[in-house]
C-alpha cells in the first residue's frame, strides 16, 4: 500500500505497538496516570480508521483488529482506575468514537465515557461535543433520528451521494448546537452540498 493511505497505516501501526507493547495488559495498572497515552491512542484510532475507510477489502480485517486493540487498551486502563477525570473520560470517548466503525458496542462505550465526563465537568464544552457526536452515531446505528446533526452518510467512501442522516429537529435547537461548538444545521447542509459537488466533478 503506497501514498497517503500507506503512510497513514504505517504511522497507525507503529504508534499503536509503541503504546501497547511497552505497557501491555499486565502493566496497565503500573506507573503514573497519563492523559497523554489516551491522546496518543486517539491519534492511532483516527489514523487507523482513516486507513480503514480507504483500504482494500483484504486489509480491512487487519485494520479492524488494530482498532479493537486500541479500544481494548483504553478499557484496560479504565479497569485499572486510569480513566476517571473528565479529561481522561473525554479522551477515552474520543478513542471509541474514532473506532465507531467497529459497531454499536464501541459507540456505546464512547457515549458512556463522554456522558460521565459531562456529569463530572458540565462546564467544559468539549465534553458536550464528544457526547453529542457519540449520541448521534448511536442513534443512527439504532435506526433512530440523530439529534445534533453531526452524522453525514455517504453511499460509498469515494463515490455516491452524501446526505445528512435523518434528524429529529425537535430535540436540539440551533442555539444549543452553537453553544457547545457544533456546526449549525445550515452549515452541515452546506457541507453535504460541497461533498456532493466534489464527488460529482470529473
N, C-alpha and C. Protein backbone atom coordinates (compact mmCIF):
# COMPACT_ATOMS: atom_id res chain seq x y z
N UNK A 1 0.84 -1.17 0.00
CA UNK A 1 0.00 0.00 0.00
C UNK A 1 0.89 1.24 0.00
N UNK A 2 0.70 2.16 -0.96
CA UNK A 2 1.56 3.32 -1.08
C UNK A 2 0.75 4.60 -0.96
N UNK A 3 1.46 5.74 -0.96
CA UNK A 3 0.81 7.04 -0.91
C UNK A 3 0.31 7.38 0.48
N UNK A 4 -0.62 8.37 0.57
CA UNK A 4 -1.10 8.84 1.87
C UNK A 4 -1.71 7.74 2.72
N UNK A 5 -2.44 6.82 2.09
CA UNK A 5 -3.06 5.76 2.87
C UNK A 5 -2.00 4.86 3.49
N UNK A 6 -0.98 4.51 2.70
CA UNK A 6 0.08 3.67 3.23
C UNK A 6 0.83 4.36 4.36
N UNK A 7 1.09 5.65 4.19
CA UNK A 7 1.76 6.41 5.25
C UNK A 7 0.92 6.44 6.51
N UNK A 8 -0.37 6.69 6.32
CA UNK A 8 -1.31 6.74 7.46
C UNK A 8 -1.31 5.42 8.20
N UNK A 9 -1.35 4.32 7.45
CA UNK A 9 -1.37 3.00 8.07
C UNK A 9 -0.08 2.73 8.82
N UNK A 10 1.03 3.08 8.21
CA UNK A 10 2.32 2.87 8.87
C UNK A 10 2.40 3.61 10.20
N UNK A 11 2.00 4.87 10.19
CA UNK A 11 2.01 5.66 11.42
C UNK A 11 1.11 5.02 12.47
N UNK A 12 -0.07 4.58 12.04
CA UNK A 12 -1.01 3.98 12.99
C UNK A 12 -0.45 2.72 13.62
N UNK A 13 0.11 1.86 12.79
CA UNK A 13 0.63 0.59 13.31
C UNK A 13 1.79 0.81 14.26
N UNK A 14 2.75 1.66 13.85
CA UNK A 14 3.91 1.92 14.70
C UNK A 14 3.49 2.55 16.02
N UNK A 15 2.61 3.54 15.96
CA UNK A 15 2.17 4.23 17.17
C UNK A 15 1.43 3.29 18.10
N UNK A 16 0.58 2.43 17.52
CA UNK A 16 -0.19 1.53 18.37
C UNK A 16 0.72 0.55 19.09
N UNK A 17 1.66 -0.04 18.37
CA UNK A 17 2.53 -1.02 19.01
C UNK A 17 3.49 -0.35 19.99
N UNK A 18 3.87 0.89 19.72
CA UNK A 18 4.72 1.61 20.67
C UNK A 18 3.98 1.85 21.97
N UNK A 19 2.67 2.16 21.86
CA UNK A 19 1.88 2.44 23.06
C UNK A 19 1.50 1.16 23.79
N UNK A 20 1.13 0.13 23.04
CA UNK A 20 0.60 -1.07 23.68
C UNK A 20 1.67 -2.09 24.06
N UNK A 21 2.70 -2.20 23.24
CA UNK A 21 3.71 -3.21 23.54
C UNK A 21 4.52 -2.81 24.78
N UNK A 22 4.74 -1.50 24.95
CA UNK A 22 5.53 -1.05 26.08
C UNK A 22 4.79 -1.14 27.39
N UNK A 23 3.48 -1.21 27.32
CA UNK A 23 2.69 -1.33 28.55
C UNK A 23 1.48 -2.21 28.26
N UNK A 24 1.69 -3.51 28.28
CA UNK A 24 0.66 -4.47 27.95
C UNK A 24 -0.40 -4.56 29.02
N UNK A 25 -1.25 -5.56 28.88
CA UNK A 25 -2.39 -5.68 29.78
C UNK A 25 -1.96 -5.81 31.24
N UNK A 26 -0.87 -6.55 31.50
CA UNK A 26 -0.42 -6.75 32.87
C UNK A 26 0.21 -5.49 33.46
N UNK A 27 0.67 -4.56 32.58
CA UNK A 27 1.33 -3.35 33.04
C UNK A 27 0.39 -2.15 33.05
N UNK A 28 -0.86 -2.36 32.68
CA UNK A 28 -1.80 -1.24 32.55
C UNK A 28 -1.99 -0.50 33.86
N UNK A 29 -1.82 -1.18 34.99
CA UNK A 29 -2.06 -0.55 36.29
C UNK A 29 -0.79 0.01 36.91
N UNK A 30 0.33 -0.08 36.22
CA UNK A 30 1.59 0.38 36.79
C UNK A 30 1.94 1.77 36.28
N UNK A 31 2.80 2.44 37.03
CA UNK A 31 3.29 3.74 36.61
C UNK A 31 2.29 4.85 36.86
N UNK A 32 2.69 6.10 36.58
CA UNK A 32 1.82 7.24 36.82
C UNK A 32 0.67 7.30 35.83
N UNK A 33 -0.40 7.95 36.24
CA UNK A 33 -1.54 8.17 35.35
C UNK A 33 -1.12 9.13 34.25
N UNK A 34 -1.46 8.81 33.00
CA UNK A 34 -1.00 9.62 31.88
C UNK A 34 -2.13 9.89 30.90
N UNK A 35 -2.59 11.14 30.85
CA UNK A 35 -3.58 11.52 29.86
C UNK A 35 -2.98 11.47 28.46
N UNK A 36 -1.67 11.71 28.36
CA UNK A 36 -1.05 11.75 27.04
C UNK A 36 -1.11 10.40 26.34
N UNK A 37 -1.15 9.29 27.09
CA UNK A 37 -1.30 7.99 26.44
C UNK A 37 -2.67 7.90 25.77
N UNK A 38 -3.68 8.40 26.42
CA UNK A 38 -5.01 8.42 25.82
C UNK A 38 -5.03 9.31 24.57
N UNK A 39 -4.31 10.41 24.61
CA UNK A 39 -4.22 11.28 23.43
C UNK A 39 -3.53 10.56 22.29
N UNK A 40 -2.47 9.82 22.60
CA UNK A 40 -1.76 9.06 21.57
C UNK A 40 -2.66 7.97 20.99
N UNK A 41 -3.43 7.33 21.84
CA UNK A 41 -4.35 6.29 21.36
C UNK A 41 -5.44 6.88 20.48
N UNK A 42 -5.83 8.13 20.75
CA UNK A 42 -6.81 8.80 19.89
C UNK A 42 -6.24 9.01 18.50
N UNK A 43 -4.96 9.42 18.42
CA UNK A 43 -4.30 9.61 17.13
C UNK A 43 -4.23 8.29 16.37
N UNK A 44 -3.87 7.23 17.09
CA UNK A 44 -3.78 5.91 16.47
C UNK A 44 -5.15 5.48 15.93
N UNK A 45 -6.19 5.66 16.75
CA UNK A 45 -7.53 5.26 16.32
C UNK A 45 -7.98 6.07 15.10
N UNK A 46 -7.73 7.38 15.12
CA UNK A 46 -8.09 8.23 13.98
C UNK A 46 -7.37 7.79 12.71
N UNK A 47 -6.06 7.54 12.83
CA UNK A 47 -5.26 7.16 11.67
C UNK A 47 -5.70 5.81 11.11
N UNK A 48 -5.93 4.86 12.01
CA UNK A 48 -6.32 3.53 11.56
C UNK A 48 -7.71 3.55 10.94
N UNK A 49 -8.63 4.31 11.55
CA UNK A 49 -9.99 4.41 10.99
C UNK A 49 -9.96 5.06 9.62
N UNK A 50 -9.10 6.07 9.45
CA UNK A 50 -8.95 6.70 8.14
C UNK A 50 -8.42 5.74 7.10
N UNK A 51 -7.43 4.94 7.48
CA UNK A 51 -6.89 3.94 6.57
C UNK A 51 -7.94 2.90 6.23
N UNK A 52 -8.76 2.54 7.22
CA UNK A 52 -9.80 1.53 7.01
C UNK A 52 -10.83 2.01 6.00
N UNK A 53 -11.18 3.30 6.06
CA UNK A 53 -12.18 3.84 5.13
C UNK A 53 -11.69 3.79 3.69
N UNK A 54 -10.38 3.80 3.50
CA UNK A 54 -9.83 3.83 2.14
C UNK A 54 -9.15 2.53 1.72
N UNK A 55 -9.18 1.54 2.59
CA UNK A 55 -8.40 0.33 2.33
C UNK A 55 -9.12 -0.65 1.42
N UNK A 56 -8.34 -1.54 0.84
CA UNK A 56 -8.91 -2.65 0.08
C UNK A 56 -9.52 -3.65 1.06
N UNK A 57 -10.44 -4.45 0.56
CA UNK A 57 -11.12 -5.42 1.42
C UNK A 57 -10.15 -6.36 2.12
N UNK A 58 -9.03 -6.66 1.47
CA UNK A 58 -8.07 -7.60 2.06
C UNK A 58 -7.40 -7.03 3.31
N UNK A 59 -7.33 -5.71 3.42
CA UNK A 59 -6.70 -5.08 4.57
C UNK A 59 -7.68 -4.81 5.71
N UNK A 60 -8.97 -4.81 5.41
CA UNK A 60 -9.97 -4.40 6.40
C UNK A 60 -9.92 -5.21 7.69
N UNK A 61 -9.85 -6.56 7.63
CA UNK A 61 -9.81 -7.33 8.89
C UNK A 61 -8.63 -6.96 9.77
N UNK A 62 -7.47 -6.72 9.16
CA UNK A 62 -6.29 -6.36 9.94
C UNK A 62 -6.46 -5.00 10.60
N UNK A 63 -6.98 -4.05 9.85
CA UNK A 63 -7.19 -2.71 10.40
C UNK A 63 -8.23 -2.71 11.52
N UNK A 64 -9.28 -3.49 11.32
CA UNK A 64 -10.30 -3.59 12.37
C UNK A 64 -9.72 -4.22 13.63
N UNK A 65 -8.83 -5.17 13.46
CA UNK A 65 -8.16 -5.78 14.61
C UNK A 65 -7.31 -4.74 15.35
N UNK A 66 -6.60 -3.89 14.60
CA UNK A 66 -5.83 -2.83 15.23
C UNK A 66 -6.73 -1.91 16.05
N UNK A 67 -7.88 -1.55 15.45
CA UNK A 67 -8.81 -0.67 16.16
C UNK A 67 -9.31 -1.31 17.45
N UNK A 68 -9.65 -2.58 17.37
CA UNK A 68 -10.11 -3.28 18.59
C UNK A 68 -9.03 -3.27 19.66
N UNK A 69 -7.78 -3.44 19.23
CA UNK A 69 -6.68 -3.43 20.18
C UNK A 69 -6.55 -2.10 20.89
N UNK A 70 -6.76 -1.02 20.16
CA UNK A 70 -6.68 0.32 20.76
C UNK A 70 -7.80 0.52 21.78
N UNK A 71 -9.02 0.14 21.40
CA UNK A 71 -10.16 0.29 22.32
C UNK A 71 -9.97 -0.61 23.54
N UNK A 72 -9.48 -1.82 23.32
CA UNK A 72 -9.23 -2.73 24.45
C UNK A 72 -8.21 -2.15 25.41
N UNK A 73 -7.21 -1.45 24.88
CA UNK A 73 -6.22 -0.82 25.74
C UNK A 73 -6.88 0.24 26.64
N UNK A 74 -7.79 1.01 26.10
CA UNK A 74 -8.49 2.03 26.89
C UNK A 74 -9.35 1.36 27.97
N UNK A 75 -10.01 0.26 27.60
CA UNK A 75 -10.82 -0.48 28.57
C UNK A 75 -9.94 -0.99 29.71
N UNK A 76 -8.74 -1.47 29.37
CA UNK A 76 -7.80 -1.95 30.40
C UNK A 76 -7.39 -0.83 31.33
N UNK A 77 -7.15 0.35 30.77
CA UNK A 77 -6.80 1.50 31.60
C UNK A 77 -7.95 1.88 32.52
N UNK A 78 -9.16 1.81 31.99
CA UNK A 78 -10.33 2.14 32.82
C UNK A 78 -10.46 1.17 33.99
N UNK A 79 -10.27 -0.11 33.72
CA UNK A 79 -10.40 -1.11 34.78
C UNK A 79 -9.35 -0.94 35.87
N UNK A 80 -8.23 -0.33 35.50
CA UNK A 80 -7.18 -0.08 36.48
C UNK A 80 -7.36 1.26 37.19
N UNK A 81 -8.46 1.94 36.92
CA UNK A 81 -8.69 3.22 37.56
C UNK A 81 -7.93 4.36 36.93
N UNK A 82 -7.51 4.19 35.66
CA UNK A 82 -6.72 5.21 34.98
C UNK A 82 -7.57 6.12 34.10
N UNK A 83 -8.89 5.92 34.11
CA UNK A 83 -9.78 6.75 33.31
C UNK A 83 -10.88 7.25 34.24
N UNK A 84 -10.60 8.32 34.97
CA UNK A 84 -11.54 8.81 35.97
C UNK A 84 -11.81 10.31 35.88
N UNK A 85 -10.81 11.10 35.49
CA UNK A 85 -11.02 12.55 35.43
C UNK A 85 -11.83 12.90 34.18
N UNK A 86 -12.47 14.07 34.15
CA UNK A 86 -13.21 14.46 32.94
C UNK A 86 -12.36 14.44 31.68
N UNK A 87 -11.11 14.90 31.78
CA UNK A 87 -10.23 14.91 30.60
C UNK A 87 -9.92 13.49 30.13
N UNK A 88 -9.68 12.58 31.07
CA UNK A 88 -9.39 11.19 30.72
C UNK A 88 -10.62 10.53 30.12
N UNK A 89 -11.77 10.79 30.69
CA UNK A 89 -13.01 10.22 30.17
C UNK A 89 -13.30 10.74 28.76
N UNK A 90 -13.04 12.02 28.54
CA UNK A 90 -13.27 12.59 27.21
C UNK A 90 -12.33 11.96 26.19
N UNK A 91 -11.07 11.81 26.56
CA UNK A 91 -10.11 11.18 25.65
C UNK A 91 -10.48 9.73 25.36
N UNK A 92 -10.92 9.02 26.37
CA UNK A 92 -11.35 7.63 26.17
C UNK A 92 -12.52 7.59 25.19
N UNK A 93 -13.46 8.52 25.37
CA UNK A 93 -14.61 8.58 24.48
C UNK A 93 -14.20 8.90 23.05
N UNK A 94 -13.20 9.76 22.90
CA UNK A 94 -12.72 10.12 21.57
C UNK A 94 -12.09 8.93 20.87
N UNK A 95 -11.38 8.10 21.63
CA UNK A 95 -10.80 6.87 21.06
C UNK A 95 -11.92 5.97 20.54
N UNK A 96 -12.92 5.73 21.38
CA UNK A 96 -14.02 4.84 20.99
C UNK A 96 -14.82 5.43 19.83
N UNK A 97 -15.00 6.75 19.84
CA UNK A 97 -15.73 7.38 18.74
C UNK A 97 -14.97 7.23 17.43
N UNK A 98 -13.65 7.41 17.48
CA UNK A 98 -12.84 7.25 16.28
C UNK A 98 -12.95 5.83 15.73
N UNK A 99 -13.17 4.87 16.65
CA UNK A 99 -13.27 3.45 16.26
C UNK A 99 -14.73 3.04 16.04
N UNK A 100 -15.60 3.99 15.77
CA UNK A 100 -17.04 3.71 15.66
C UNK A 100 -17.39 2.71 14.57
N UNK A 101 -16.49 2.54 13.61
CA UNK A 101 -16.76 1.56 12.56
C UNK A 101 -16.85 0.14 13.11
N UNK A 102 -16.37 -0.08 14.34
CA UNK A 102 -16.45 -1.40 14.96
C UNK A 102 -17.88 -1.75 15.38
N UNK A 103 -18.75 -0.75 15.42
CA UNK A 103 -20.14 -1.07 15.68
C UNK A 103 -20.72 -0.46 16.95
N UNK A 104 -21.94 -0.89 17.25
CA UNK A 104 -22.74 -0.27 18.29
C UNK A 104 -22.11 -0.35 19.67
N UNK A 105 -21.51 -1.48 20.00
CA UNK A 105 -20.94 -1.62 21.34
C UNK A 105 -19.83 -0.60 21.59
N UNK A 106 -19.00 -0.36 20.57
CA UNK A 106 -17.92 0.61 20.70
C UNK A 106 -18.48 2.02 20.83
N UNK A 107 -19.52 2.33 20.06
CA UNK A 107 -20.13 3.66 20.15
C UNK A 107 -20.81 3.83 21.51
N UNK A 108 -21.39 2.77 22.03
CA UNK A 108 -21.97 2.85 23.38
C UNK A 108 -20.90 3.19 24.42
N UNK A 109 -19.70 2.64 24.24
CA UNK A 109 -18.61 2.99 25.15
C UNK A 109 -18.28 4.48 25.03
N UNK A 110 -18.22 4.95 23.80
CA UNK A 110 -17.92 6.37 23.59
C UNK A 110 -18.97 7.25 24.27
N UNK A 111 -20.21 6.89 24.09
CA UNK A 111 -21.28 7.69 24.71
C UNK A 111 -21.21 7.61 26.24
N UNK A 112 -20.99 6.42 26.77
CA UNK A 112 -20.92 6.24 28.21
C UNK A 112 -19.80 7.05 28.84
N UNK A 113 -18.62 6.99 28.23
CA UNK A 113 -17.47 7.74 28.77
C UNK A 113 -17.70 9.24 28.65
N UNK A 114 -18.22 9.68 27.50
CA UNK A 114 -18.43 11.12 27.31
C UNK A 114 -19.53 11.65 28.22
N UNK A 115 -20.56 10.85 28.43
CA UNK A 115 -21.64 11.28 29.33
C UNK A 115 -21.12 11.44 30.76
N UNK A 116 -20.26 10.52 31.18
CA UNK A 116 -19.67 10.62 32.52
C UNK A 116 -18.76 11.84 32.61
N UNK A 117 -18.06 12.16 31.53
CA UNK A 117 -17.23 13.37 31.51
C UNK A 117 -18.08 14.61 31.69
N UNK A 118 -19.25 14.63 31.05
CA UNK A 118 -20.17 15.76 31.19
C UNK A 118 -20.69 15.86 32.62
N UNK A 119 -21.04 14.70 33.21
CA UNK A 119 -21.54 14.69 34.58
C UNK A 119 -20.49 15.27 35.53
N UNK A 120 -19.22 14.94 35.29
CA UNK A 120 -18.15 15.38 36.20
C UNK A 120 -17.65 16.78 35.91
N UNK A 121 -17.87 17.26 34.69
CA UNK A 121 -17.49 18.64 34.36
C UNK A 121 -18.40 19.14 33.24
N UNK A 122 -19.55 19.65 33.63
CA UNK A 122 -20.53 20.11 32.65
C UNK A 122 -20.17 21.47 32.05
N UNK A 123 -19.18 22.14 32.63
CA UNK A 123 -18.79 23.45 32.12
C UNK A 123 -17.88 23.36 30.90
N UNK A 124 -17.23 22.22 30.71
CA UNK A 124 -16.30 22.05 29.59
C UNK A 124 -17.09 21.64 28.35
N UNK A 125 -17.17 22.56 27.40
CA UNK A 125 -17.95 22.30 26.19
C UNK A 125 -17.40 21.14 25.37
N UNK A 126 -16.11 20.83 25.53
CA UNK A 126 -15.52 19.71 24.77
C UNK A 126 -16.18 18.39 25.17
N UNK A 127 -16.51 18.26 26.43
CA UNK A 127 -17.19 17.05 26.89
C UNK A 127 -18.55 16.91 26.21
N UNK A 128 -19.26 18.03 26.12
CA UNK A 128 -20.58 18.02 25.47
C UNK A 128 -20.47 17.66 23.99
N UNK A 129 -19.44 18.20 23.33
CA UNK A 129 -19.30 17.91 21.89
C UNK A 129 -19.07 16.43 21.62
N UNK A 130 -18.19 15.82 22.40
CA UNK A 130 -17.93 14.39 22.19
C UNK A 130 -19.18 13.58 22.51
N UNK A 131 -19.92 13.99 23.54
CA UNK A 131 -21.15 13.27 23.86
C UNK A 131 -22.17 13.42 22.73
N UNK A 132 -22.27 14.60 22.15
CA UNK A 132 -23.20 14.83 21.05
C UNK A 132 -22.84 13.96 19.84
N UNK A 133 -21.56 13.92 19.50
CA UNK A 133 -21.11 13.10 18.38
C UNK A 133 -21.44 11.63 18.61
N UNK A 134 -21.15 11.17 19.82
CA UNK A 134 -21.38 9.76 20.15
C UNK A 134 -22.87 9.42 20.17
N UNK A 135 -23.65 10.33 20.72
CA UNK A 135 -25.10 10.09 20.80
C UNK A 135 -25.71 10.01 19.41
N UNK A 136 -25.35 10.94 18.54
CA UNK A 136 -25.88 10.92 17.18
C UNK A 136 -25.51 9.62 16.47
N UNK A 137 -24.26 9.21 16.61
CA UNK A 137 -23.81 7.98 15.96
C UNK A 137 -24.57 6.78 16.49
N UNK A 138 -24.80 6.76 17.79
CA UNK A 138 -25.54 5.66 18.41
C UNK A 138 -26.97 5.63 17.91
N UNK A 139 -27.59 6.80 17.81
CA UNK A 139 -28.96 6.87 17.30
C UNK A 139 -29.05 6.32 15.88
N UNK A 140 -28.10 6.71 15.04
CA UNK A 140 -28.11 6.26 13.65
C UNK A 140 -27.92 4.75 13.57
N UNK A 141 -27.01 4.21 14.38
CA UNK A 141 -26.79 2.77 14.38
C UNK A 141 -28.03 2.01 14.84
N UNK A 142 -28.84 2.64 15.68
CA UNK A 142 -30.08 2.02 16.17
C UNK A 142 -31.28 2.38 15.30
N UNK A 143 -30.99 2.94 14.12
CA UNK A 143 -32.02 3.31 13.14
C UNK A 143 -33.02 4.30 13.72
N UNK A 144 -32.48 5.27 14.45
CA UNK A 144 -33.30 6.35 15.01
C UNK A 144 -32.75 7.68 14.49
N UNK A 145 -33.58 8.74 14.50
CA UNK A 145 -33.08 10.04 14.05
C UNK A 145 -32.01 10.60 15.00
N UNK A 146 -30.99 11.20 14.42
CA UNK A 146 -29.98 11.86 15.25
C UNK A 146 -30.56 13.17 15.81
N UNK A 147 -29.87 13.75 16.79
CA UNK A 147 -30.36 14.97 17.44
C UNK A 147 -29.54 16.20 17.07
N UNK A 148 -28.21 16.04 16.95
CA UNK A 148 -27.32 17.19 16.84
C UNK A 148 -26.86 17.49 15.41
N UNK A 149 -27.31 16.70 14.46
CA UNK A 149 -26.97 16.91 13.04
C UNK A 149 -25.48 16.76 12.77
N UNK A 150 -24.85 15.75 13.37
CA UNK A 150 -23.41 15.56 13.19
C UNK A 150 -23.07 14.42 12.23
N UNK A 151 -24.03 13.56 11.91
CA UNK A 151 -23.74 12.38 11.10
C UNK A 151 -24.13 12.62 9.64
N UNK A 152 -23.14 12.56 8.78
CA UNK A 152 -23.34 12.64 7.34
C UNK A 152 -23.07 11.26 6.77
N UNK A 153 -24.02 10.73 6.02
CA UNK A 153 -23.89 9.39 5.44
C UNK A 153 -23.63 9.50 3.95
N UNK A 154 -22.65 8.72 3.48
CA UNK A 154 -22.34 8.69 2.06
C UNK A 154 -22.51 7.25 1.56
N UNK A 155 -22.97 7.11 0.32
CA UNK A 155 -23.27 5.79 -0.23
C UNK A 155 -22.03 4.91 -0.23
N UNK A 156 -20.91 5.44 -0.67
CA UNK A 156 -19.63 4.73 -0.65
C UNK A 156 -18.56 5.70 -0.18
N UNK A 157 -17.39 5.21 0.23
CA UNK A 157 -16.36 6.12 0.72
C UNK A 157 -15.92 7.20 -0.27
N UNK A 158 -15.93 6.88 -1.57
CA UNK A 158 -15.41 7.83 -2.55
C UNK A 158 -16.49 8.33 -3.50
N UNK A 159 -17.31 7.43 -3.99
CA UNK A 159 -18.35 7.79 -4.95
C UNK A 159 -19.72 7.67 -4.29
N UNK A 160 -20.72 8.25 -4.94
CA UNK A 160 -22.07 8.14 -4.42
C UNK A 160 -22.47 9.37 -3.63
N UNK A 161 -23.74 9.59 -3.51
CA UNK A 161 -24.27 10.80 -2.90
C UNK A 161 -24.20 10.75 -1.37
N UNK A 162 -23.92 11.92 -0.79
CA UNK A 162 -23.92 12.07 0.66
C UNK A 162 -25.19 12.77 1.11
N UNK A 163 -25.67 12.40 2.28
CA UNK A 163 -26.85 13.04 2.85
C UNK A 163 -26.66 13.19 4.35
N UNK A 164 -27.37 14.15 4.92
CA UNK A 164 -27.42 14.27 6.36
C UNK A 164 -28.33 13.17 6.88
N UNK A 165 -27.84 12.37 7.81
CA UNK A 165 -28.66 11.27 8.35
C UNK A 165 -29.94 11.85 8.94
N UNK A 166 -31.05 11.07 8.94
CA UNK A 166 -32.33 11.56 9.46
C UNK A 166 -32.17 12.27 10.81
N UNK A 167 -32.87 13.39 10.95
CA UNK A 167 -32.68 14.27 12.09
C UNK A 167 -34.01 14.59 12.75
N UNK A 168 -34.04 14.52 14.09
CA UNK A 168 -35.19 14.97 14.86
C UNK A 168 -34.93 16.42 15.26
N UNK A 169 -35.54 17.35 14.56
CA UNK A 169 -35.27 18.78 14.78
C UNK A 169 -35.92 19.32 16.05
N UNK A 170 -36.71 18.50 16.73
CA UNK A 170 -37.37 18.98 17.95
C UNK A 170 -36.50 18.80 19.19
N UNK A 171 -35.39 18.08 19.06
CA UNK A 171 -34.59 17.71 20.24
C UNK A 171 -33.57 18.77 20.63
N UNK A 172 -32.92 19.35 19.65
CA UNK A 172 -31.82 20.29 19.93
C UNK A 172 -32.00 21.53 19.06
N UNK A 173 -31.88 22.70 19.65
CA UNK A 173 -32.02 23.94 18.91
C UNK A 173 -30.69 24.35 18.29
N UNK A 174 -30.76 25.25 17.33
CA UNK A 174 -29.54 25.77 16.72
C UNK A 174 -28.68 26.47 17.78
N UNK A 175 -29.33 27.18 18.68
CA UNK A 175 -28.59 27.88 19.74
C UNK A 175 -27.82 26.89 20.61
N UNK A 176 -28.41 25.73 20.88
CA UNK A 176 -27.72 24.72 21.69
C UNK A 176 -26.54 24.13 20.93
N UNK A 177 -26.71 23.93 19.63
CA UNK A 177 -25.58 23.44 18.83
C UNK A 177 -24.41 24.43 18.88
N UNK A 178 -24.73 25.68 18.68
CA UNK A 178 -23.69 26.72 18.69
C UNK A 178 -23.05 26.80 20.08
N UNK A 179 -23.84 26.67 21.11
CA UNK A 179 -23.33 26.80 22.48
C UNK A 179 -22.24 25.80 22.79
N UNK A 180 -22.37 24.58 22.25
CA UNK A 180 -21.35 23.56 22.54
C UNK A 180 -20.31 23.44 21.43
N UNK A 181 -20.39 24.36 20.45
CA UNK A 181 -19.35 24.42 19.43
C UNK A 181 -19.54 23.49 18.24
N UNK A 182 -20.77 23.09 17.98
CA UNK A 182 -21.06 22.24 16.83
C UNK A 182 -21.50 23.09 15.64
N UNK A 183 -21.33 22.59 14.41
CA UNK A 183 -21.84 23.32 13.25
C UNK A 183 -23.37 23.45 13.33
N UNK A 184 -23.88 24.52 12.77
CA UNK A 184 -25.33 24.67 12.69
C UNK A 184 -25.88 23.72 11.64
N UNK A 185 -27.19 23.58 11.64
CA UNK A 185 -27.83 22.72 10.64
C UNK A 185 -27.56 23.23 9.24
N UNK A 186 -27.60 24.55 9.06
CA UNK A 186 -27.30 25.13 7.75
C UNK A 186 -25.88 24.81 7.33
N UNK A 187 -24.93 24.95 8.24
CA UNK A 187 -23.54 24.66 7.92
C UNK A 187 -23.36 23.20 7.53
N UNK A 188 -24.05 22.29 8.20
CA UNK A 188 -23.95 20.88 7.86
C UNK A 188 -24.56 20.60 6.48
N UNK A 189 -25.65 21.27 6.18
CA UNK A 189 -26.26 21.07 4.85
C UNK A 189 -25.37 21.63 3.75
N UNK A 190 -24.71 22.74 4.02
CA UNK A 190 -23.75 23.28 3.05
C UNK A 190 -22.57 22.33 2.86
N UNK A 191 -22.14 21.68 3.94
CA UNK A 191 -21.06 20.70 3.87
C UNK A 191 -21.47 19.53 2.97
N UNK A 192 -22.69 19.04 3.15
CA UNK A 192 -23.19 17.94 2.33
C UNK A 192 -23.21 18.34 0.86
N UNK A 193 -23.69 19.55 0.57
CA UNK A 193 -23.73 20.04 -0.81
C UNK A 193 -22.31 20.10 -1.40
N UNK A 194 -21.36 20.57 -0.59
CA UNK A 194 -19.98 20.66 -1.05
C UNK A 194 -19.40 19.28 -1.34
N UNK A 195 -19.67 18.32 -0.45
CA UNK A 195 -19.19 16.95 -0.67
C UNK A 195 -19.76 16.37 -1.96
N UNK A 196 -21.03 16.62 -2.20
CA UNK A 196 -21.66 16.07 -3.40
C UNK A 196 -21.14 16.74 -4.67
N UNK A 197 -20.81 18.02 -4.58
CA UNK A 197 -20.21 18.69 -5.76
C UNK A 197 -18.84 18.08 -6.06
N UNK A 198 -18.06 17.83 -5.02
CA UNK A 198 -16.73 17.24 -5.22
C UNK A 198 -16.86 15.85 -5.82
N UNK A 199 -17.81 15.07 -5.32
CA UNK A 199 -17.98 13.70 -5.79
C UNK A 199 -18.50 13.62 -7.22
N UNK A 200 -19.25 14.63 -7.62
CA UNK A 200 -19.83 14.59 -8.97
C UNK A 200 -18.92 15.21 -10.01
N UNK A 201 -17.85 15.88 -9.57
CA UNK A 201 -16.94 16.52 -10.53
C UNK A 201 -16.08 15.46 -11.22
N UNK A 202 -15.76 15.64 -12.51
CA UNK A 202 -14.98 14.64 -13.24
C UNK A 202 -13.54 14.57 -12.73
